[in-house]
């Protein structure tokens, strides 16, 4: 830990999270396919057509105003 390297006295213990539950290869494959369908395929489509992910989105405040 950084505090040990800096020789700062402390009683902190490193956080050790519980291991994640194992999933079968079918479930992992299904999750990967779902992810690809939702995120990867649209990203490829935007790259091929030259569009940005922000194209067609209107600004929240289109008219500049004073900040109070």
PDB file of N, CA and C in Angstrom:
ATOM      1  N   UNK A   1       0.832  -1.185   0.000  1.00  0.00           N
ATOM      2  CA  UNK A   1       0.000   0.000   0.000  1.00  0.00           C
ATOM      3  C   UNK A   1       0.874   1.245   0.000  1.00  0.00           C
ATOM      4  N   UNK A   2       0.336   2.313  -0.471  1.00  0.00           N
ATOM      5  CA  UNK A   2       1.071   3.573  -0.551  1.00  0.00           C
ATOM      6  C   UNK A   2       1.507   4.034   0.827  1.00  0.00           C
ATOM      7  N   UNK A   3       0.635   3.904   1.813  1.00  0.00           N
ATOM      8  CA  UNK A   3       0.990   4.357   3.161  1.00  0.00           C
ATOM      9  C   UNK A   3       2.184   3.578   3.707  1.00  0.00           C
ATOM     10  N   UNK A   4       2.281   2.310   3.388  1.00  0.00           N
ATOM     11  CA  UNK A   4       3.426   1.519   3.825  1.00  0.00           C
ATOM     12  C   UNK A   4       4.708   2.011   3.157  1.00  0.00           C
ATOM     13  N   UNK A   5       4.645   2.292   1.878  1.00  0.00           N
ATOM     14  CA  UNK A   5       5.814   2.781   1.155  1.00  0.00           C
ATOM     15  C   UNK A   5       6.258   4.124   1.709  1.00  0.00           C
ATOM     16  N   UNK A   6       5.302   4.969   2.059  1.00  0.00           N
ATOM     17  CA  UNK A   6       5.623   6.288   2.631  1.00  0.00           C
ATOM     18  C   UNK A   6       5.947   6.209   4.114  1.00  0.00           C
ATOM     19  N   UNK A   7       5.884   5.006   4.661  1.00  0.00           N
ATOM     20  CA  UNK A   7       6.173   4.765   6.075  1.00  0.00           C
ATOM     21  C   UNK A   7       5.253   5.564   6.999  1.00  0.00           C
ATOM     22  N   UNK A   8       3.986   5.617   6.625  1.00  0.00           N
ATOM     23  CA  UNK A   8       2.966   6.273   7.443  1.00  0.00           C
ATOM     24  C   UNK A   8       2.300   5.190   8.282  1.00  0.00           C
ATOM     25  N   UNK A   9       2.300   5.340   9.600  1.00  0.00           N
ATOM     26  CA  UNK A   9       1.656   4.319  10.429  1.00  0.00           C
ATOM     27  C   UNK A   9       0.150   4.248  10.150  1.00  0.00           C
ATOM     28  N   UNK A  10      -0.339   3.033   9.996  1.00  0.00           N
ATOM     29  CA  UNK A  10      -1.770   2.858   9.722  1.00  0.00           C
ATOM     30  C   UNK A  10      -2.180   1.446  10.108  1.00  0.00           C
ATOM     31  N   UNK A  11      -3.479   1.256  10.245  1.00  0.00           N
ATOM     32  CA  UNK A  11      -4.032  -0.058  10.558  1.00  0.00           C
ATOM     33  C   UNK A  11      -4.999  -0.514   9.478  1.00  0.00           C
ATOM     34  N   UNK A  12      -4.822   0.013   8.271  1.00  0.00           N
ATOM     35  CA  UNK A  12      -5.728  -0.318   7.177  1.00  0.00           C
ATOM     36  C   UNK A  12      -5.385  -1.674   6.581  1.00  0.00           C
ATOM     37  N   UNK A  13      -6.418  -2.388   6.175  1.00  0.00           N
ATOM     38  CA  UNK A  13      -6.257  -3.664   5.503  1.00  0.00           C
ATOM     39  C   UNK A  13      -6.756  -3.501   4.060  1.00  0.00           C
ATOM     40  N   UNK A  14      -6.071  -4.059   3.087  1.00  0.00           N
ATOM     41  CA  UNK A  14      -6.550  -3.953   1.703  1.00  0.00           C
ATOM     42  C   UNK A  14      -7.924  -4.612   1.556  1.00  0.00           C
ATOM     43  N   UNK A  15      -8.755  -4.029   0.717  1.00  0.00           N
ATOM     44  CA  UNK A  15     -10.084  -4.568   0.446  1.00  0.00           C
ATOM     45  C   UNK A  15      -9.952  -5.817  -0.418  1.00  0.00           C
ATOM     46  N   UNK A  16     -10.542  -6.884  -0.013  1.00  0.00           N
ATOM     47  CA  UNK A  16     -10.506  -8.143  -0.753  1.00  0.00           C
ATOM     48  C   UNK A  16     -11.960  -8.539  -1.089  1.00  0.00           C
ATOM     49  N   UNK A  17     -12.417  -8.195  -2.306  1.00  0.00           N
ATOM     50  CA  UNK A  17     -13.801  -8.501  -2.662  1.00  0.00           C
ATOM     51  C   UNK A  17     -14.032 -10.003  -2.820  1.00  0.00           C
ATOM     52  N   UNK A  18     -15.279 -10.384  -2.678  1.00  0.00           N
ATOM     53  CA  UNK A  18     -15.674 -11.779  -2.880  1.00  0.00           C
ATOM     54  C   UNK A  18     -15.463 -12.127  -4.360  1.00  0.00           C
ATOM     55  N   UNK A  19     -15.031 -13.331  -4.663  1.00  0.00           N
ATOM     56  CA  UNK A  19     -14.894 -13.705  -6.072  1.00  0.00           C
ATOM     57  C   UNK A  19     -16.258 -13.731  -6.763  1.00  0.00           C
ATOM     58  N   UNK A  20     -16.258 -13.382  -8.031  1.00  0.00           N
ATOM     59  CA  UNK A  20     -17.490 -13.411  -8.807  1.00  0.00           C
ATOM     60  C   UNK A  20     -17.935 -14.846  -9.036  1.00  0.00           C
ATOM     61  N   UNK A  21     -19.240 -15.066  -9.068  1.00  0.00           N
ATOM     62  CA  UNK A  21     -19.706 -16.429  -9.339  1.00  0.00           C
ATOM     63  C   UNK A  21     -19.333 -16.842 -10.762  1.00  0.00           C
ATOM     64  N   UNK A  22     -18.985 -18.098 -10.916  1.00  0.00           N
ATOM     65  CA  UNK A  22     -18.633 -18.601 -12.241  1.00  0.00           C
ATOM     66  C   UNK A  22     -19.904 -18.789 -13.060  1.00  0.00           C
ATOM     67  N   UNK A  23     -19.791 -18.523 -14.344  1.00  0.00           N
ATOM     68  CA  UNK A  23     -20.919 -18.781 -15.235  1.00  0.00           C
ATOM     69  C   UNK A  23     -20.462 -19.758 -16.312  1.00  0.00           C
ATOM     70  N   UNK A  24     -21.399 -20.486 -16.818  1.00  0.00           N
ATOM     71  CA  UNK A  24     -21.082 -21.466 -17.855  1.00  0.00           C
ATOM     72  C   UNK A  24     -20.764 -20.789 -19.176  1.00  0.00           C
ATOM     73  N   UNK A  25     -20.185 -21.547 -20.081  1.00  0.00           N
ATOM     74  CA  UNK A  25     -19.806 -20.978 -21.363  1.00  0.00           C
ATOM     75  C   UNK A  25     -21.018 -20.566 -22.183  1.00  0.00           C
ATOM     76  N   UNK A  26     -22.143 -21.251 -22.009  1.00  0.00           N
ATOM     77  CA  UNK A  26     -23.346 -20.865 -22.762  1.00  0.00           C
ATOM     78  C   UNK A  26     -23.859 -19.505 -22.320  1.00  0.00           C
ATOM     79  N   UNK A  27     -23.894 -19.305 -21.017  1.00  0.00           N
ATOM     80  CA  UNK A  27     -24.367 -18.016 -20.502  1.00  0.00           C
ATOM     81  C   UNK A  27     -23.400 -16.898 -20.905  1.00  0.00           C
ATOM     82  N   UNK A  28     -22.096 -17.153 -20.790  1.00  0.00           N
ATOM     83  CA  UNK A  28     -21.098 -16.145 -21.170  1.00  0.00           C
ATOM     84  C   UNK A  28     -21.218 -15.805 -22.655  1.00  0.00           C
ATOM     85  N   UNK A  29     -21.419 -16.819 -23.495  1.00  0.00           N
ATOM     86  CA  UNK A  29     -21.572 -16.589 -24.928  1.00  0.00           C
ATOM     87  C   UNK A  29     -22.833 -15.791 -25.216  1.00  0.00           C
ATOM     88  N   UNK A  30     -23.920 -16.129 -24.535  1.00  0.00           N
ATOM     89  CA  UNK A  30     -25.174 -15.396 -24.718  1.00  0.00           C
ATOM     90  C   UNK A  30     -25.005 -13.926 -24.329  1.00  0.00           C
ATOM     91  N   UNK A  31     -24.326 -13.672 -23.202  1.00  0.00           N
ATOM     92  CA  UNK A  31     -24.091 -12.296 -22.759  1.00  0.00           C
ATOM     93  C   UNK A  31     -23.203 -11.547 -23.741  1.00  0.00           C
ATOM     94  N   UNK A  32     -22.209 -12.222 -24.299  1.00  0.00           N
ATOM     95  CA  UNK A  32     -21.342 -11.578 -25.293  1.00  0.00           C
ATOM     96  C   UNK A  32     -22.110 -11.233 -26.557  1.00  0.00           C
ATOM     97  N   UNK A  33     -22.985 -12.123 -26.989  1.00  0.00           N
ATOM     98  CA  UNK A  33     -23.799 -11.856 -28.183  1.00  0.00           C
ATOM     99  C   UNK A  33     -24.742 -10.685 -27.920  1.00  0.00           C
ATOM    100  N   UNK A  34     -25.366 -10.666 -26.748  1.00  0.00           N
ATOM    101  CA  UNK A  34     -26.263  -9.567 -26.401  1.00  0.00           C
ATOM    102  C   UNK A  34     -25.510  -8.233 -26.386  1.00  0.00           C
ATOM    103  N   UNK A  35     -24.301  -8.244 -25.800  1.00  0.00           N
ATOM    104  CA  UNK A  35     -23.497  -7.021 -25.753  1.00  0.00           C
ATOM    105  C   UNK A  35     -23.143  -6.559 -27.164  1.00  0.00           C
ATOM    106  N   UNK A  36     -22.712  -7.487 -28.000  1.00  0.00           N
ATOM    107  CA  UNK A  36     -22.327  -7.133 -29.365  1.00  0.00           C
ATOM    108  C   UNK A  36     -23.506  -6.549 -30.131  1.00  0.00           C
ATOM    109  N   UNK A  37     -24.679  -7.132 -29.949  1.00  0.00           N
ATOM    110  CA  UNK A  37     -25.869  -6.644 -30.651  1.00  0.00           C
ATOM    111  C   UNK A  37     -26.236  -5.235 -30.194  1.00  0.00           C
ATOM    112  N   UNK A  38     -26.090  -4.970 -28.907  1.00  0.00           N
ATOM    113  CA  UNK A  38     -26.507  -3.680 -28.367  1.00  0.00           C
ATOM    114  C   UNK A  38     -25.475  -2.572 -28.576  1.00  0.00           C
ATOM    115  N   UNK A  39     -24.189  -2.887 -28.510  1.00  0.00           N
ATOM    116  CA  UNK A  39     -23.160  -1.850 -28.547  1.00  0.00           C
ATOM    117  C   UNK A  39     -22.229  -1.918 -29.757  1.00  0.00           C
ATOM    118  N   UNK A  40     -21.733  -3.111 -30.095  1.00  0.00           N
ATOM    119  CA  UNK A  40     -20.723  -3.240 -31.130  1.00  0.00           C
ATOM    120  C   UNK A  40     -21.277  -3.023 -32.528  1.00  0.00           C
ATOM    121  N   UNK A  41     -22.391  -3.659 -32.839  1.00  0.00           N
ATOM    122  CA  UNK A  41     -22.973  -3.534 -34.177  1.00  0.00           C
ATOM    123  C   UNK A  41     -23.364  -2.082 -34.480  1.00  0.00           C
ATOM    124  N   UNK A  42     -24.026  -1.360 -33.555  1.00  0.00           N
ATOM    125  CA  UNK A  42     -24.311   0.046 -33.844  1.00  0.00           C
ATOM    126  C   UNK A  42     -23.031   0.880 -34.010  1.00  0.00           C
ATOM    127  N   UNK A  43     -21.988   0.572 -33.249  1.00  0.00           N
ATOM    128  CA  UNK A  43     -20.727   1.303 -33.371  1.00  0.00           C
ATOM    129  C   UNK A  43     -20.128   1.098 -34.759  1.00  0.00           C
ATOM    130  N   UNK A  44     -20.121  -0.146 -35.236  1.00  0.00           N
ATOM    131  CA  UNK A  44     -19.609  -0.444 -36.581  1.00  0.00           C
ATOM    132  C   UNK A  44     -20.439   0.301 -37.627  1.00  0.00           C
ATOM    133  N   UNK A  45     -21.758   0.298 -37.455  1.00  0.00           N
ATOM    134  CA  UNK A  45     -22.627   1.003 -38.398  1.00  0.00           C
ATOM    135  C   UNK A  45     -22.317   2.491 -38.457  1.00  0.00           C
ATOM    136  N   UNK A  46     -22.067   3.101 -37.297  1.00  0.00           N
ATOM    137  CA  UNK A  46     -21.721   4.523 -37.286  1.00  0.00           C
ATOM    138  C   UNK A  46     -20.379   4.770 -37.971  1.00  0.00           C
ATOM    139  N   UNK A  47     -19.416   3.895 -37.769  1.00  0.00           N
ATOM    140  CA  UNK A  47     -18.104   4.069 -38.399  1.00  0.00           C
ATOM    141  C   UNK A  47     -18.203   3.941 -39.912  1.00  0.00           C
ATOM    142  N   UNK A  48     -18.995   2.994 -40.384  1.00  0.00           N
ATOM    143  CA  UNK A  48     -19.126   2.775 -41.823  1.00  0.00           C
ATOM    144  C   UNK A  48     -19.837   3.926 -42.511  1.00  0.00           C
ATOM    145  N   UNK A  49     -20.776   4.567 -41.824  1.00  0.00           N
ATOM    146  CA  UNK A  49     -21.532   5.657 -42.439  1.00  0.00           C
ATOM    147  C   UNK A  49     -20.954   7.033 -42.112  1.00  0.00           C
ATOM    148  N   UNK A  50     -19.915   7.078 -41.257  1.00  0.00           N
ATOM    149  CA  UNK A  50     -19.276   8.359 -40.943  1.00  0.00           C
ATOM    150  C   UNK A  50     -20.070   9.225 -39.984  1.00  0.00           C
ATOM    151  N   UNK A  51     -20.951   8.618 -39.229  1.00  0.00           N
ATOM    152  CA  UNK A  51     -21.742   9.377 -38.262  1.00  0.00           C
ATOM    153  C   UNK A  51     -21.110   9.299 -36.883  1.00  0.00           C
ATOM    154  N   UNK A  52     -21.397  10.307 -36.060  1.00  0.00           N
ATOM    155  CA  UNK A  52     -20.968  10.315 -34.676  1.00  0.00           C
ATOM    156  C   UNK A  52     -22.128   9.834 -33.813  1.00  0.00           C
ATOM    157  N   UNK A  53     -21.816   9.367 -32.629  1.00  0.00           N
ATOM    158  CA  UNK A  53     -22.889   8.929 -31.737  1.00  0.00           C
ATOM    159  C   UNK A  53     -23.723  10.112 -31.264  1.00  0.00           C
ATOM    160  N   UNK A  54     -23.226  11.340 -31.436  1.00  0.00           N
ATOM    161  CA  UNK A  54     -23.971  12.517 -31.020  1.00  0.00           C
ATOM    162  C   UNK A  54     -24.739  13.185 -32.149  1.00  0.00           C
ATOM    163  N   UNK A  55     -24.613  12.681 -33.367  1.00  0.00           N
ATOM    164  CA  UNK A  55     -25.344  13.273 -34.486  1.00  0.00           C
ATOM    165  C   UNK A  55     -26.847  13.146 -34.268  1.00  0.00           C
ATOM    166  N   UNK A  56     -27.564  14.216 -34.530  1.00  0.00           N
ATOM    167  CA  UNK A  56     -29.014  14.199 -34.402  1.00  0.00           C
ATOM    168  C   UNK A  56     -29.524  14.488 -33.008  1.00  0.00           C
ATOM    169  N   UNK A  57     -28.636  14.744 -32.062  1.00  0.00           N
ATOM    170  CA  UNK A  57     -29.056  15.054 -30.700  1.00  0.00           C
ATOM    171  C   UNK A  57     -29.042  16.571 -30.525  1.00  0.00           C
ATOM    172  N   UNK A  58     -30.142  17.108 -30.066  1.00  0.00           N
ATOM    173  CA  UNK A  58     -30.261  18.549 -29.864  1.00  0.00           C
ATOM    174  C   UNK A  58     -29.563  18.959 -28.560  1.00  0.00           C
ATOM    175  N   UNK A  59     -28.986  20.163 -28.514  1.00  0.00           N
ATOM    176  CA  UNK A  59     -28.336  20.614 -27.287  1.00  0.00           C
ATOM    177  C   UNK A  59     -29.351  20.867 -26.178  1.00  0.00           C
ATOM    178  N   UNK A  60     -28.910  20.707 -24.954  1.00  0.00           N
ATOM    179  CA  UNK A  60     -29.783  20.928 -23.808  1.00  0.00           C
ATOM    180  C   UNK A  60     -30.169  22.407 -23.709  1.00  0.00           C
ATOM    181  N   UNK A  61     -29.201  23.274 -23.920  1.00  0.00           N
ATOM    182  CA  UNK A  61     -29.448  24.719 -23.893  1.00  0.00           C
ATOM    183  C   UNK A  61     -28.917  25.326 -25.188  1.00  0.00           C
ATOM    184  N   UNK A  62     -29.755  25.401 -26.232  1.00  0.00           N
ATOM    185  CA  UNK A  62     -29.277  25.869 -27.534  1.00  0.00           C
ATOM    186  C   UNK A  62     -28.955  27.364 -27.583  1.00  0.00           C
ATOM    187  N   UNK A  63     -29.538  28.152 -26.680  1.00  0.00           N
ATOM    188  CA  UNK A  63     -29.275  29.600 -26.674  1.00  0.00           C
ATOM    189  C   UNK A  63     -28.373  29.928 -25.491  1.00  0.00           C
ATOM    190  N   UNK A  64     -27.192  30.529 -25.743  1.00  0.00           N
ATOM    191  CA  UNK A  64     -26.314  30.868 -24.628  1.00  0.00           C
ATOM    192  C   UNK A  64     -26.960  31.906 -23.709  1.00  0.00           C
ATOM    193  N   UNK A  65     -26.820  31.708 -22.413  1.00  0.00           N
ATOM    194  CA  UNK A  65     -27.358  32.642 -21.420  1.00  0.00           C
ATOM    195  C   UNK A  65     -26.327  32.843 -20.323  1.00  0.00           C
ATOM    196  N   UNK A  66     -26.525  33.878 -19.557  1.00  0.00           N
ATOM    197  CA  UNK A  66     -25.614  34.170 -18.450  1.00  0.00           C
ATOM    198  C   UNK A  66     -25.733  33.104 -17.360  1.00  0.00           C
ATOM    199  N   UNK A  67     -24.587  32.792 -16.760  1.00  0.00           N
ATOM    200  CA  UNK A  67     -24.555  31.829 -15.648  1.00  0.00           C
ATOM    201  C   UNK A  67     -24.743  32.599 -14.367  1.00  0.00           C
ATOM    202  N   UNK A  68     -25.650  32.147 -13.522  1.00  0.00           N
ATOM    203  CA  UNK A  68     -25.906  32.858 -12.267  1.00  0.00           C
ATOM    204  C   UNK A  68     -25.288  32.154 -11.121  1.00  0.00           C
TER     205      UNK A  68
END
